[in-house]
Amino acid sequence: MLRSATDVAVAFSNNRAEQDTRVIKTKTEVSGGFRTLKGAQAFLVIRGNISAVRKNGLCASQSLYDALLGSPWTPALTN
């Protein structure tokens, strides 16, 4: 937390996993859940893609557009 006070490139919280799951919890509380398993799976695939794209500093809307055109973004493989 103190590091984020002096360096704006460092996030205030490093708990991205908790922040990512909070979206799902809020969605189920507000709408009461998903109607079908397929709908829930589609939502999670899209949210997972958006989260990964943002973590890599890319534009989420452009990434979704590219995915709909058949060329989804994938992270580079590292050895």
PDB file of N, CA and C in Angstrom:
ATOM      1  N   MET A   1       0.824  -1.183   0.000  1.00  0.00           N
ATOM      2  CA  MET A   1       0.000   0.000   0.000  1.00  0.00           C
ATOM      3  C   MET A   1       0.871   1.251   0.000  1.00  0.00           C
ATOM      4  N   LEU A   2       1.947   1.255   0.773  1.00  0.00           N
ATOM      5  CA  LEU A   2       2.812   2.428   0.819  1.00  0.00           C
ATOM      6  C   LEU A   2       3.524   2.647  -0.515  1.00  0.00           C
ATOM      7  N   ARG A   3       3.844   1.561  -1.199  1.00  0.00           N
ATOM      8  CA  ARG A   3       4.501   1.685  -2.500  1.00  0.00           C
ATOM      9  C   ARG A   3       3.593   2.407  -3.494  1.00  0.00           C
ATOM     10  N   SER A   4       2.287   2.127  -3.436  1.00  0.00           N
ATOM     11  CA  SER A   4       1.356   2.765  -4.369  1.00  0.00           C
ATOM     12  C   SER A   4       1.211   4.258  -4.097  1.00  0.00           C
ATOM     13  N   ALA A   5       1.556   4.702  -2.902  1.00  0.00           N
ATOM     14  CA  ALA A   5       1.484   6.128  -2.579  1.00  0.00           C
ATOM     15  C   ALA A   5       2.586   6.910  -3.272  1.00  0.00           C
ATOM     16  N   THR A   6       3.721   6.254  -3.550  1.00  0.00           N
ATOM     17  CA  THR A   6       4.846   6.953  -4.168  1.00  0.00           C
ATOM     18  C   THR A   6       5.032   6.615  -5.640  1.00  0.00           C
ATOM     19  N   ASP A   7       4.451   5.511  -6.090  1.00  0.00           N
ATOM     20  CA  ASP A   7       4.597   5.089  -7.482  1.00  0.00           C
ATOM     21  C   ASP A   7       3.216   4.822  -8.064  1.00  0.00           C
ATOM     22  N   VAL A   8       2.752   5.686  -8.962  1.00  0.00           N
ATOM     23  CA  VAL A   8       1.400   5.555  -9.513  1.00  0.00           C
ATOM     24  C   VAL A   8       1.250   4.338 -10.432  1.00  0.00           C
ATOM     25  N   ALA A   9       2.344   3.736 -10.863  1.00  0.00           N
ATOM     26  CA  ALA A   9       2.266   2.548 -11.710  1.00  0.00           C
ATOM     27  C   ALA A   9       1.894   1.302 -10.918  1.00  0.00           C
ATOM     28  N   VAL A  10       2.038   1.368  -9.597  1.00  0.00           N
ATOM     29  CA  VAL A  10       1.714   0.233  -8.737  1.00  0.00           C
ATOM     30  C   VAL A  10       0.268   0.368  -8.278  1.00  0.00           C
ATOM     31  N   ALA A  11      -0.502  -0.704  -8.429  1.00  0.00           N
ATOM     32  CA  ALA A  11      -1.904  -0.683  -8.025  1.00  0.00           C
ATOM     33  C   ALA A  11      -2.023  -0.590  -6.512  1.00  0.00           C
ATOM     34  N   PHE A  12      -3.101   0.043  -6.045  1.00  0.00           N
ATOM     35  CA  PHE A  12      -3.328   0.177  -4.610  1.00  0.00           C
ATOM     36  C   PHE A  12      -3.506  -1.193  -3.962  1.00  0.00           C
ATOM     37  N   SER A  13      -4.203  -2.077  -4.667  1.00  0.00           N
ATOM     38  CA  SER A  13      -4.418  -3.433  -4.162  1.00  0.00           C
ATOM     39  C   SER A  13      -3.865  -4.415  -5.181  1.00  0.00           C
ATOM     40  N   ASN A  14      -3.201  -5.441  -4.711  1.00  0.00           N
ATOM     41  CA  ASN A  14      -2.681  -6.434  -5.642  1.00  0.00           C
ATOM     42  C   ASN A  14      -3.574  -7.672  -5.676  1.00  0.00           C
ATOM     43  N   ASN A  15      -4.760  -7.585  -5.118  1.00  0.00           N
ATOM     44  CA  ASN A  15      -5.649  -8.726  -5.062  1.00  0.00           C
ATOM     45  C   ASN A  15      -6.621  -8.715  -6.243  1.00  0.00           C
ATOM     46  N   ARG A  16      -6.087  -8.884  -7.446  1.00  0.00           N
ATOM     47  CA  ARG A  16      -6.910  -8.873  -8.656  1.00  0.00           C
ATOM     48  C   ARG A  16      -7.875 -10.054  -8.703  1.00  0.00           C
ATOM     49  N   ALA A  17      -7.498 -11.183  -8.134  1.00  0.00           N
ATOM     50  CA  ALA A  17      -8.390 -12.346  -8.148  1.00  0.00           C
ATOM     51  C   ALA A  17      -9.672 -12.040  -7.384  1.00  0.00           C
ATOM     52  N   GLU A  18      -9.549 -11.399  -6.250  1.00  0.00           N
ATOM     53  CA  GLU A  18     -10.742 -11.038  -5.476  1.00  0.00           C
ATOM     54  C   GLU A  18     -11.592 -10.026  -6.233  1.00  0.00           C
ATOM     55  N   GLN A  19     -10.952  -9.074  -6.878  1.00  0.00           N
ATOM     56  CA  GLN A  19     -11.690  -8.070  -7.628  1.00  0.00           C
ATOM     57  C   GLN A  19     -12.416  -8.696  -8.812  1.00  0.00           C
ATOM     58  N   ASP A  20     -11.805  -9.681  -9.451  1.00  0.00           N
ATOM     59  CA  ASP A  20     -12.437 -10.346 -10.589  1.00  0.00           C
ATOM     60  C   ASP A  20     -13.640 -11.172 -10.160  1.00  0.00           C
ATOM     61  N   THR A  21     -13.565 -11.829  -9.012  1.00  0.00           N
ATOM     62  CA  THR A  21     -14.694 -12.631  -8.556  1.00  0.00           C
ATOM     63  C   THR A  21     -15.817 -11.774  -7.983  1.00  0.00           C
ATOM     64  N   ARG A  22     -15.519 -10.573  -7.561  1.00  0.00           N
ATOM     65  CA  ARG A  22     -16.548  -9.684  -7.033  1.00  0.00           C
ATOM     66  C   ARG A  22     -17.597  -9.369  -8.092  1.00  0.00           C
ATOM     67  N   VAL A  23     -17.201  -9.261  -9.350  1.00  0.00           N
ATOM     68  CA  VAL A  23     -18.142  -8.999 -10.440  1.00  0.00           C
ATOM     69  C   VAL A  23     -19.179 -10.111 -10.523  1.00  0.00           C
ATOM     70  N   ILE A  24     -18.747 -11.343 -10.402  1.00  0.00           N
ATOM     71  CA  ILE A  24     -19.653 -12.483 -10.483  1.00  0.00           C
ATOM     72  C   ILE A  24     -20.607 -12.482  -9.292  1.00  0.00           C
ATOM     73  N   LYS A  25     -20.090 -12.224  -8.111  1.00  0.00           N
ATOM     74  CA  LYS A  25     -20.923 -12.196  -6.912  1.00  0.00           C
ATOM     75  C   LYS A  25     -21.970 -11.097  -7.003  1.00  0.00           C
ATOM     76  N   THR A  26     -21.582  -9.924  -7.474  1.00  0.00           N
ATOM     77  CA  THR A  26     -22.526  -8.820  -7.639  1.00  0.00           C
ATOM     78  C   THR A  26     -23.585  -9.171  -8.669  1.00  0.00           C
ATOM     79  N   LYS A  27     -23.184  -9.786  -9.760  1.00  0.00           N
ATOM     80  CA  LYS A  27     -24.134 -10.178 -10.814  1.00  0.00           C
ATOM     81  C   LYS A  27     -25.180 -11.146 -10.261  1.00  0.00           C
ATOM     82  N   THR A  28     -24.761 -12.121  -9.483  1.00  0.00           N
ATOM     83  CA  THR A  28     -25.718 -13.086  -8.947  1.00  0.00           C
ATOM     84  C   THR A  28     -26.617 -12.459  -7.882  1.00  0.00           C
ATOM     85  N   GLU A  29     -26.123 -11.496  -7.126  1.00  0.00           N
ATOM     86  CA  GLU A  29     -26.944 -10.839  -6.111  1.00  0.00           C
ATOM     87  C   GLU A  29     -27.973  -9.906  -6.736  1.00  0.00           C
ATOM     88  N   VAL A  30     -27.592  -9.186  -7.776  1.00  0.00           N
ATOM     89  CA  VAL A  30     -28.486  -8.216  -8.393  1.00  0.00           C
ATOM     90  C   VAL A  30     -29.565  -8.903  -9.229  1.00  0.00           C
ATOM     91  N   SER A  31     -29.159  -9.836 -10.079  1.00  0.00           N
ATOM     92  CA  SER A  31     -30.131 -10.460 -10.981  1.00  0.00           C
ATOM     93  C   SER A  31     -30.668 -11.782 -10.455  1.00  0.00           C
ATOM     94  N   GLY A  32     -30.119 -12.275  -9.354  1.00  0.00           N
ATOM     95  CA  GLY A  32     -30.585 -13.536  -8.800  1.00  0.00           C
ATOM     96  C   GLY A  32     -29.917 -14.747  -9.407  1.00  0.00           C
ATOM     97  N   GLY A  33     -28.921 -14.536 -10.220  1.00  0.00           N
ATOM     98  CA  GLY A  33     -28.199 -15.654 -10.829  1.00  0.00           C
ATOM     99  C   GLY A  33     -28.399 -15.718 -12.332  1.00  0.00           C
ATOM    100  N   PHE A  34     -28.052 -16.838 -12.887  1.00  0.00           N
ATOM    101  CA  PHE A  34     -28.157 -17.036 -14.325  1.00  0.00           C
ATOM    102  C   PHE A  34     -29.317 -17.990 -14.609  1.00  0.00           C
ATOM    103  N   ARG A  35     -29.945 -17.835 -15.744  1.00  0.00           N
ATOM    104  CA  ARG A  35     -31.071 -18.713 -16.101  1.00  0.00           C
ATOM    105  C   ARG A  35     -30.592 -20.087 -16.542  1.00  0.00           C
ATOM    106  N   THR A  36     -29.473 -20.136 -17.231  1.00  0.00           N
ATOM    107  CA  THR A  36     -28.974 -21.418 -17.718  1.00  0.00           C
ATOM    108  C   THR A  36     -27.480 -21.535 -17.444  1.00  0.00           C
ATOM    109  N   LEU A  37     -27.004 -22.758 -17.434  1.00  0.00           N
ATOM    110  CA  LEU A  37     -25.572 -23.003 -17.273  1.00  0.00           C
ATOM    111  C   LEU A  37     -24.810 -22.438 -18.467  1.00  0.00           C
ATOM    112  N   LYS A  38     -25.376 -22.572 -19.651  1.00  0.00           N
ATOM    113  CA  LYS A  38     -24.724 -22.058 -20.861  1.00  0.00           C
ATOM    114  C   LYS A  38     -24.557 -20.534 -20.798  1.00  0.00           C
ATOM    115  N   GLY A  39     -25.562 -19.846 -20.274  1.00  0.00           N
ATOM    116  CA  GLY A  39     -25.473 -18.392 -20.115  1.00  0.00           C
ATOM    117  C   GLY A  39     -24.398 -18.001 -19.123  1.00  0.00           C
ATOM    118  N   ALA A  40     -24.305 -18.748 -18.025  1.00  0.00           N
ATOM    119  CA  ALA A  40     -23.274 -18.481 -17.025  1.00  0.00           C
ATOM    120  C   ALA A  40     -21.888 -18.707 -17.613  1.00  0.00           C
ATOM    121  N   GLN A  41     -21.728 -19.778 -18.374  1.00  0.00           N
ATOM    122  CA  GLN A  41     -20.436 -20.069 -18.984  1.00  0.00           C
ATOM    123  C   GLN A  41     -20.042 -18.993 -19.988  1.00  0.00           C
ATOM    124  N   ALA A  42     -20.989 -18.521 -20.782  1.00  0.00           N
ATOM    125  CA  ALA A  42     -20.702 -17.462 -21.757  1.00  0.00           C
ATOM    126  C   ALA A  42     -20.281 -16.180 -21.044  1.00  0.00           C
ATOM    127  N   PHE A  43     -20.990 -15.833 -19.969  1.00  0.00           N
ATOM    128  CA  PHE A  43     -20.650 -14.642 -19.197  1.00  0.00           C
ATOM    129  C   PHE A  43     -19.228 -14.735 -18.649  1.00  0.00           C
ATOM    130  N   LEU A  44     -18.881 -15.905 -18.113  1.00  0.00           N
ATOM    131  CA  LEU A  44     -17.557 -16.070 -17.513  1.00  0.00           C
ATOM    132  C   LEU A  44     -16.445 -16.065 -18.551  1.00  0.00           C
ATOM    133  N   VAL A  45     -16.693 -16.600 -19.733  1.00  0.00           N
ATOM    134  CA  VAL A  45     -15.691 -16.562 -20.805  1.00  0.00           C
ATOM    135  C   VAL A  45     -15.428 -15.116 -21.219  1.00  0.00           C
ATOM    136  N   ILE A  46     -16.494 -14.345 -21.378  1.00  0.00           N
ATOM    137  CA  ILE A  46     -16.343 -12.943 -21.787  1.00  0.00           C
ATOM    138  C   ILE A  46     -15.649 -12.140 -20.695  1.00  0.00           C
ATOM    139  N   ARG A  47     -16.064 -12.309 -19.433  1.00  0.00           N
ATOM    140  CA  ARG A  47     -15.437 -11.580 -18.334  1.00  0.00           C
ATOM    141  C   ARG A  47     -13.974 -11.978 -18.167  1.00  0.00           C
ATOM    142  N   GLY A  48     -13.678 -13.257 -18.349  1.00  0.00           N
ATOM    143  CA  GLY A  48     -12.292 -13.712 -18.247  1.00  0.00           C
ATOM    144  C   GLY A  48     -11.420 -13.088 -19.313  1.00  0.00           C
ATOM    145  N   ASN A  49     -11.958 -12.993 -20.522  1.00  0.00           N
ATOM    146  CA  ASN A  49     -11.214 -12.374 -21.621  1.00  0.00           C
ATOM    147  C   ASN A  49     -10.972 -10.901 -21.335  1.00  0.00           C
ATOM    148  N   ILE A  50     -12.004 -10.208 -20.896  1.00  0.00           N
ATOM    149  CA  ILE A  50     -11.870  -8.776 -20.597  1.00  0.00           C
ATOM    150  C   ILE A  50     -10.835  -8.563 -19.496  1.00  0.00           C
ATOM    151  N   SER A  51     -10.884  -9.382 -18.463  1.00  0.00           N
ATOM    152  CA  SER A  51      -9.935  -9.251 -17.359  1.00  0.00           C
ATOM    153  C   SER A  51      -8.494  -9.472 -17.823  1.00  0.00           C
ATOM    154  N   ALA A  52      -8.282 -10.521 -18.612  1.00  0.00           N
ATOM    155  CA  ALA A  52      -6.931 -10.818 -19.096  1.00  0.00           C
ATOM    156  C   ALA A  52      -6.410  -9.722 -20.015  1.00  0.00           C
ATOM    157  N   VAL A  53      -7.265  -9.209 -20.861  1.00  0.00           N
ATOM    158  CA  VAL A  53      -6.864  -8.151 -21.795  1.00  0.00           C
ATOM    159  C   VAL A  53      -6.476  -6.887 -21.025  1.00  0.00           C
ATOM    160  N   ARG A  54      -7.291  -6.511 -20.061  1.00  0.00           N
ATOM    161  CA  ARG A  54      -6.993  -5.309 -19.273  1.00  0.00           C
ATOM    162  C   ARG A  54      -5.704  -5.458 -18.480  1.00  0.00           C
ATOM    163  N   LYS A  55      -5.460  -6.648 -17.931  1.00  0.00           N
ATOM    164  CA  LYS A  55      -4.239  -6.887 -17.165  1.00  0.00           C
ATOM    165  C   LYS A  55      -2.999  -6.765 -18.043  1.00  0.00           C
ATOM    166  N   ASN A  56      -3.170  -6.962 -19.347  1.00  0.00           N
ATOM    167  CA  ASN A  56      -2.049  -6.852 -20.273  1.00  0.00           C
ATOM    168  C   ASN A  56      -2.004  -5.491 -20.956  1.00  0.00           C
ATOM    169  N   GLY A  57      -2.808  -4.554 -20.473  1.00  0.00           N
ATOM    170  CA  GLY A  57      -2.742  -3.178 -20.949  1.00  0.00           C
ATOM    171  C   GLY A  57      -3.361  -2.941 -22.317  1.00  0.00           C
ATOM    172  N   LEU A  58      -4.276  -3.799 -22.735  1.00  0.00           N
ATOM    173  CA  LEU A  58      -4.921  -3.651 -24.034  1.00  0.00           C
ATOM    174  C   LEU A  58      -6.336  -3.122 -23.869  1.00  0.00           C
ATOM    175  N   CYS A  59      -6.929  -2.702 -24.960  1.00  0.00           N
ATOM    176  CA  CYS A  59      -8.290  -2.164 -24.962  1.00  0.00           C
ATOM    177  C   CYS A  59      -9.290  -3.321 -25.013  1.00  0.00           C
ATOM    178  N   ALA A  60     -10.172  -3.388 -24.021  1.00  0.00           N
ATOM    179  CA  ALA A  60     -11.132  -4.489 -23.929  1.00  0.00           C
ATOM    180  C   ALA A  60     -12.125  -4.476 -25.080  1.00  0.00           C
ATOM    181  N   SER A  61     -12.618  -3.311 -25.459  1.00  0.00           N
ATOM    182  CA  SER A  61     -13.614  -3.259 -26.535  1.00  0.00           C
ATOM    183  C   SER A  61     -13.006  -3.684 -27.870  1.00  0.00           C
ATOM    184  N   GLN A  62     -11.785  -3.301 -28.140  1.00  0.00           N
ATOM    185  CA  GLN A  62     -11.124  -3.718 -29.383  1.00  0.00           C
ATOM    186  C   GLN A  62     -10.879  -5.224 -29.375  1.00  0.00           C
ATOM    187  N   SER A  63     -10.525  -5.753 -28.226  1.00  0.00           N
ATOM    188  CA  SER A  63     -10.293  -7.189 -28.109  1.00  0.00           C
ATOM    189  C   SER A  63     -11.574  -7.983 -28.348  1.00  0.00           C
ATOM    190  N   LEU A  64     -12.681  -7.513 -27.800  1.00  0.00           N
ATOM    191  CA  LEU A  64     -13.966  -8.191 -28.034  1.00  0.00           C
ATOM    192  C   LEU A  64     -14.368  -8.110 -29.499  1.00  0.00           C
ATOM    193  N   TYR A  65     -14.146  -6.965 -30.105  1.00  0.00           N
ATOM    194  CA  TYR A  65     -14.441  -6.792 -31.533  1.00  0.00           C
ATOM    195  C   TYR A  65     -13.610  -7.762 -32.369  1.00  0.00           C
ATOM    196  N   ASP A  66     -12.318  -7.855 -32.071  1.00  0.00           N
ATOM    197  CA  ASP A  66     -11.446  -8.782 -32.795  1.00  0.00           C
ATOM    198  C   ASP A  66     -11.885 -10.230 -32.590  1.00  0.00           C
ATOM    199  N   ALA A  67     -12.308 -10.565 -31.380  1.00  0.00           N
ATOM    200  CA  ALA A  67     -12.761 -11.936 -31.095  1.00  0.00           C
ATOM    201  C   ALA A  67     -14.010 -12.264 -31.900  1.00  0.00           C
ATOM    202  N   LEU A  68     -14.912 -11.312 -32.023  1.00  0.00           N
ATOM    203  CA  LEU A  68     -16.130 -11.540 -32.811  1.00  0.00           C
ATOM    204  C   LEU A  68     -15.826 -11.703 -34.300  1.00  0.00           C
ATOM    205  N   LEU A  69     -14.735 -11.112 -34.744  1.00  0.00           N
ATOM    206  CA  LEU A  69     -14.322 -11.258 -36.142  1.00  0.00           C
ATOM    207  C   LEU A  69     -13.515 -12.526 -36.379  1.00  0.00           C
ATOM    208  N   GLY A  70     -13.238 -13.277 -35.309  1.00  0.00           N
ATOM    209  CA  GLY A  70     -12.547 -14.557 -35.452  1.00  0.00           C
ATOM    210  C   GLY A  70     -11.067 -14.548 -35.160  1.00  0.00           C
ATOM    211  N   SER A  71     -10.540 -13.441 -34.637  1.00  0.00           N
ATOM    212  CA  SER A  71      -9.120 -13.414 -34.284  1.00  0.00           C
ATOM    213  C   SER A  71      -8.952 -12.934 -32.846  1.00  0.00           C
ATOM    214  N   PRO A  72      -9.285 -13.789 -31.866  1.00  0.00           N
ATOM    215  CA  PRO A  72      -9.191 -13.379 -30.466  1.00  0.00           C
ATOM    216  C   PRO A  72      -7.751 -13.188 -30.021  1.00  0.00           C
ATOM    217  N   TRP A  73      -7.567 -12.314 -29.045  1.00  0.00           N
ATOM    218  CA  TRP A  73      -6.251 -12.071 -28.477  1.00  0.00           C
ATOM    219  C   TRP A  73      -5.886 -13.246 -27.583  1.00  0.00           C
ATOM    220  N   THR A  74      -4.653 -13.684 -27.667  1.00  0.00           N
ATOM    221  CA  THR A  74      -4.136 -14.704 -26.763  1.00  0.00           C
ATOM    222  C   THR A  74      -2.804 -14.211 -26.225  1.00  0.00           C
ATOM    223  N   PRO A  75      -2.518 -14.517 -24.968  1.00  0.00           N
ATOM    224  CA  PRO A  75      -1.238 -14.061 -24.403  1.00  0.00           C
ATOM    225  C   PRO A  75      -0.067 -14.780 -25.054  1.00  0.00           C
ATOM    226  N   ALA A  76       1.059 -14.093 -25.092  1.00  0.00           N
ATOM    227  CA  ALA A  76       2.267 -14.687 -25.660  1.00  0.00           C
ATOM    228  C   ALA A  76       2.774 -15.784 -24.730  1.00  0.00           C
ATOM    229  N   LEU A  77       3.278 -16.844 -25.307  1.00  0.00           N
ATOM    230  CA  LEU A  77       3.848 -17.936 -24.523  1.00  0.00           C
ATOM    231  C   LEU A  77       5.250 -17.548 -24.071  1.00  0.00           C
ATOM    232  N   THR A  78       5.538 -17.806 -22.805  1.00  0.00           N
ATOM    233  CA  THR A  78       6.873 -17.538 -22.275  1.00  0.00           C
ATOM    234  C   THR A  78       7.503 -18.841 -21.845  1.00  0.00           C
ATOM    235  N   ASN A  79       8.791 -18.920 -21.965  1.00  0.00           N
ATOM    236  CA  ASN A  79       9.514 -20.148 -21.571  1.00  0.00           C
ATOM    237  C   ASN A  79      10.071 -20.023 -20.197  1.00  0.00           C
TER     238      ASN A  79
END
